[in-house]
Amino acid sequence: MKKLITTLLALIILFALATPAYASGANFATRMDSSITLGETQYNFHTFSFSGQNHIRIRDLAYILSATPMRFSVAWNAASKSVLLGSDLQYVPVGGELSPADTTRLTGTLESADVQIDQHILTIPTINIGGEAFFRLRDIADAFGFSIGWSTANNSIVLGSGANQIEYSVSASQGSGAFVRILDPARPVVALTFDDGPKATTNTVLDILAQHDVQATFFIIGSHIGNRQSTVLRAHNAGHEIANHTWSHARLPNVSTSQISDEIERTNNLIESIIGVRPTLFRAPFGAIDSRVEAVTASLGHPIIRWSLDTRDWETRNADATFNVIMNNVKENLVYSH
């Protein structure tokens, strides 16, 4: 098993050269389009750089090594948040290897997971992005006591010592421009959302959010985009999530099933044409849903996002009143709707 882990680490260490601890002020993970060449085969996949280190999924590495003598099995136990590795067993692909199912989400969470290698269990930090656990596998190398050396002269990594020393050449990963805001669950967290845009005032809202380093989710109406495509793109580029609020703000339980689908998909298509990313979240106008709305959104892969507190700013149109509603009712894990 030690030979397996040594070879595995020789590959994964390409993505984790630096060793600082997670920085408390680091809020974003950047997606890296990474590659590794094994024999004559080049594999392309994603990692996420966070706090100076890249994180990768274990099953991507299992897939890369599945055709080599160093193959290994990997299983994920969601209930116990643990990864089980088996030596010299064939890895069975589960689909989505080398291309995470969802790399457009703009929120991730700091978590931890147990990695069990034979009977040895290690608890290491992870970042959860779109339901996928990404690992800083340098932690495993440290836990096993492997030494790591980096040669700038020939872009290579030396792993281990003595007869067990292994050397691999390294190629740099390239940033894709996609990034994920990382939330620390140890700190109070609320979600801020804005509905019904884009509007003439949306750029002012974006200016204020930028001043305070705050990210929000914008549930936008397709028919409102018009000549404000640049505003939608600006919000996306600033790290805000662009989500779906139908095409015409119709009360969906009152329309046909085909129109429900059209309201959502027409907006999805326009948003994707502007920002290059298809929305993953959906909010129903007025919060009005029925079994048909639930069925259509489920078939499209959209969770229905509601809210915990409605500031009703549209009713008062008063900044002080809106502020007071929030501050008098603020609680952790609330979703605020504006």
Foldseek 3Di string as FASTA:
>chain_A
DVLLVQVLCQVLCLFFVDDDDQDPPWFKWFKWFDWDDDPNDIATAIWTAGSNTTWAAPVLSLVVCQVDQSHWEWDADPVQQEIEIGTRDHYDDPPQHRHNPDLQEQEKEKDWGWYQYPNDIDIAIFIQDPNGTIGRCVVVLVVVPKDWDADPVQQKIWIHDDPSTDIDHHDDIGTPLHMHTYDYPVDFDEAEEEEADDDPCLVVVVVVCVVVVHEHEYAYAQCRCVVVLVSLQVNVSSSHHYAHAFHPLDLPVVDDLVNLLVRGVVSQVVSCVRNVDGHQEYEYRVNHDDPSNVVSCVVVNYDYDDFDFELCCVPVVDPVSSVCSCVVDPDGHTYYYD
